[in-house]
Amino acid sequence: MEVWMSDRFICHSCDQPKHSLEPRKSKVTGMDILICKTCIDKGFEPRHLLIIAYGGTDLMRKKATKFIKDNLYVGDKITLTEVL
């Protein structure tokens, strides 16, 4: 797997500039994302994709619910008003 090296890239999960990011497929949506090693190691998904996925298919909602319940994302707690 190719690793992207730059000081200009932002991790899609933690929104922090990182020197290296790895291209991955989101475990919830299947979308292509760039994510840092720290977020990969913690099993994080991008917060915004969890919110989007919750409004998607039943399978995506089930996957997103697990990540939301287990707080496997960076940022403020995802509220019911955000997912409805």
C-alpha atoms as a PDB file:
ATOM      1  CA  MET A   1       0.000   0.000   0.000  1.00  0.00           C
ATOM      2  CA  GLU A   2       1.296   3.416  -0.949  1.00  0.00           C
ATOM      3  CA  VAL A   3       1.997   5.956   1.803  1.00  0.00           C
ATOM      4  CA  TRP A   4       1.547   9.626   0.959  1.00  0.00           C
ATOM      5  CA  MET A   5       4.345  11.843   2.290  1.00  0.00           C
ATOM      6  CA  SER A   6       3.818  15.586   2.672  1.00  0.00           C
ATOM      7  CA  ASP A   7       3.356  18.240   5.306  1.00  0.00           C
ATOM      8  CA  ARG A   8       0.299  19.530   3.453  1.00  0.00           C
ATOM      9  CA  PHE A   9      -2.027  16.567   3.850  1.00  0.00           C
ATOM     10  CA  ILE A  10      -4.752  16.477   6.481  1.00  0.00           C
ATOM     11  CA  CYS A  11      -5.946  13.227   8.041  1.00  0.00           C
ATOM     12  CA  HIS A  12      -9.617  12.703   7.174  1.00  0.00           C
ATOM     13  CA  SER A  13     -10.248  11.339  10.651  1.00  0.00           C
ATOM     14  CA  CYS A  14      -8.441  13.667  13.079  1.00  0.00           C
ATOM     15  CA  ASP A  15      -8.205  16.717  10.759  1.00  0.00           C
ATOM     16  CA  GLN A  16      -4.552  17.198  11.714  1.00  0.00           C
ATOM     17  CA  PRO A  17      -1.729  17.882   9.256  1.00  0.00           C
ATOM     18  CA  LYS A  18       0.473  14.817   9.056  1.00  0.00           C
ATOM     19  CA  HIS A  19       3.704  14.000   7.256  1.00  0.00           C
ATOM     20  CA  SER A  20       2.397  10.662   6.037  1.00  0.00           C
ATOM     21  CA  LEU A  21      -1.070   9.362   5.349  1.00  0.00           C
ATOM     22  CA  GLU A  22      -2.243   6.013   4.079  1.00  0.00           C
ATOM     23  CA  PRO A  23      -5.008   5.679   1.516  1.00  0.00           C
ATOM     24  CA  ARG A  24      -7.741   3.413   2.868  1.00  0.00           C
ATOM     25  CA  LYS A  25     -11.340   2.478   2.250  1.00  0.00           C
ATOM     26  CA  SER A  26     -13.733   3.567   4.966  1.00  0.00           C
ATOM     27  CA  LYS A  27     -14.955   0.554   6.929  1.00  0.00           C
ATOM     28  CA  VAL A  28     -18.426   2.093   7.021  1.00  0.00           C
ATOM     29  CA  THR A  29     -18.995   3.675   3.607  1.00  0.00           C
ATOM     30  CA  GLY A  30     -16.286   2.119   1.433  1.00  0.00           C
ATOM     31  CA  MET A  31     -15.197   5.608   0.330  1.00  0.00           C
ATOM     32  CA  ASP A  32     -11.516   6.348  -0.293  1.00  0.00           C
ATOM     33  CA  ILE A  33      -9.943   8.261   2.602  1.00  0.00           C
ATOM     34  CA  LEU A  34      -6.461   9.364   3.666  1.00  0.00           C
ATOM     35  CA  ILE A  35      -5.773   8.521   7.283  1.00  0.00           C
ATOM     36  CA  CYS A  36      -2.789   8.788   9.642  1.00  0.00           C
ATOM     37  CA  LYS A  37      -1.145   5.861  11.418  1.00  0.00           C
ATOM     38  CA  THR A  38      -2.437   7.020  14.817  1.00  0.00           C
ATOM     39  CA  CYS A  39      -6.060   6.912  13.638  1.00  0.00           C
ATOM     40  CA  ILE A  40      -5.510   3.588  11.869  1.00  0.00           C
ATOM     41  CA  ASP A  41      -4.057   2.073  15.044  1.00  0.00           C
ATOM     42  CA  LYS A  42      -7.037   3.312  17.097  1.00  0.00           C
ATOM     43  CA  GLY A  43      -9.546   2.016  14.528  1.00  0.00           C
ATOM     44  CA  PHE A  44     -11.024   5.477  13.932  1.00  0.00           C
ATOM     45  CA  GLU A  45     -13.329   6.473  11.104  1.00  0.00           C
ATOM     46  CA  PRO A  46     -13.952  10.045   9.944  1.00  0.00           C
ATOM     47  CA  ARG A  47     -16.721  11.595  12.059  1.00  0.00           C
ATOM     48  CA  HIS A  48     -18.464  13.165   9.067  1.00  0.00           C
ATOM     49  CA  LEU A  49     -18.672   9.797   7.283  1.00  0.00           C
ATOM     50  CA  LEU A  50     -20.329   8.212  10.321  1.00  0.00           C
ATOM     51  CA  ILE A  51     -22.999  10.913  10.272  1.00  0.00           C
ATOM     52  CA  ILE A  52     -23.578  10.441   6.549  1.00  0.00           C
ATOM     53  CA  ALA A  53     -23.587   6.631   6.833  1.00  0.00           C
ATOM     54  CA  TYR A  54     -26.166   6.695   9.627  1.00  0.00           C
ATOM     55  CA  GLY A  55     -28.665   8.084   7.132  1.00  0.00           C
ATOM     56  CA  GLY A  56     -27.777   5.490   4.485  1.00  0.00           C
ATOM     57  CA  THR A  57     -28.649   1.842   4.013  1.00  0.00           C
ATOM     58  CA  ASP A  58     -29.457  -0.472   6.918  1.00  0.00           C
ATOM     59  CA  LEU A  59     -26.009  -2.079   6.649  1.00  0.00           C
ATOM     60  CA  MET A  60     -24.254   1.295   6.714  1.00  0.00           C
ATOM     61  CA  ARG A  61     -26.387   2.380   9.685  1.00  0.00           C
ATOM     62  CA  LYS A  62     -25.454  -0.787  11.609  1.00  0.00           C
ATOM     63  CA  LYS A  63     -21.745  -0.233  10.930  1.00  0.00           C
ATOM     64  CA  ALA A  64     -21.953   3.481  11.812  1.00  0.00           C
ATOM     65  CA  THR A  65     -23.862   2.720  15.032  1.00  0.00           C
ATOM     66  CA  LYS A  66     -21.029   0.478  16.265  1.00  0.00           C
ATOM     67  CA  PHE A  67     -18.401   3.153  15.619  1.00  0.00           C
ATOM     68  CA  ILE A  68     -20.561   5.855  17.232  1.00  0.00           C
ATOM     69  CA  LYS A  69     -21.348   3.726  20.321  1.00  0.00           C
ATOM     70  CA  ASP A  70     -17.676   2.821  20.761  1.00  0.00           C
ATOM     71  CA  ASN A  71     -16.540   6.438  20.195  1.00  0.00           C
ATOM     72  CA  LEU A  72     -14.230   5.359  17.368  1.00  0.00           C
ATOM     73  CA  TYR A  73     -13.935   8.841  15.887  1.00  0.00           C
ATOM     74  CA  VAL A  74     -12.312  12.155  16.734  1.00  0.00           C
ATOM     75  CA  GLY A  75     -14.398  15.143  17.738  1.00  0.00           C
ATOM     76  CA  ASP A  76     -17.504  16.082  19.650  1.00  0.00           C
ATOM     77  CA  LYS A  77     -20.032  13.432  20.581  1.00  0.00           C
ATOM     78  CA  ILE A  78     -22.348  12.673  17.658  1.00  0.00           C
ATOM     79  CA  THR A  79     -25.853  13.711  18.644  1.00  0.00           C
ATOM     80  CA  LEU A  80     -29.211  12.457  17.485  1.00  0.00           C
ATOM     81  CA  THR A  81     -29.964  15.777  15.789  1.00  0.00           C
ATOM     82  CA  GLU A  82     -26.845  15.366  13.626  1.00  0.00           C
ATOM     83  CA  VAL A  83     -27.892  11.982  12.289  1.00  0.00           C
ATOM     84  CA  LEU A  84     -31.582  12.720  11.700  1.00  0.00           C
END
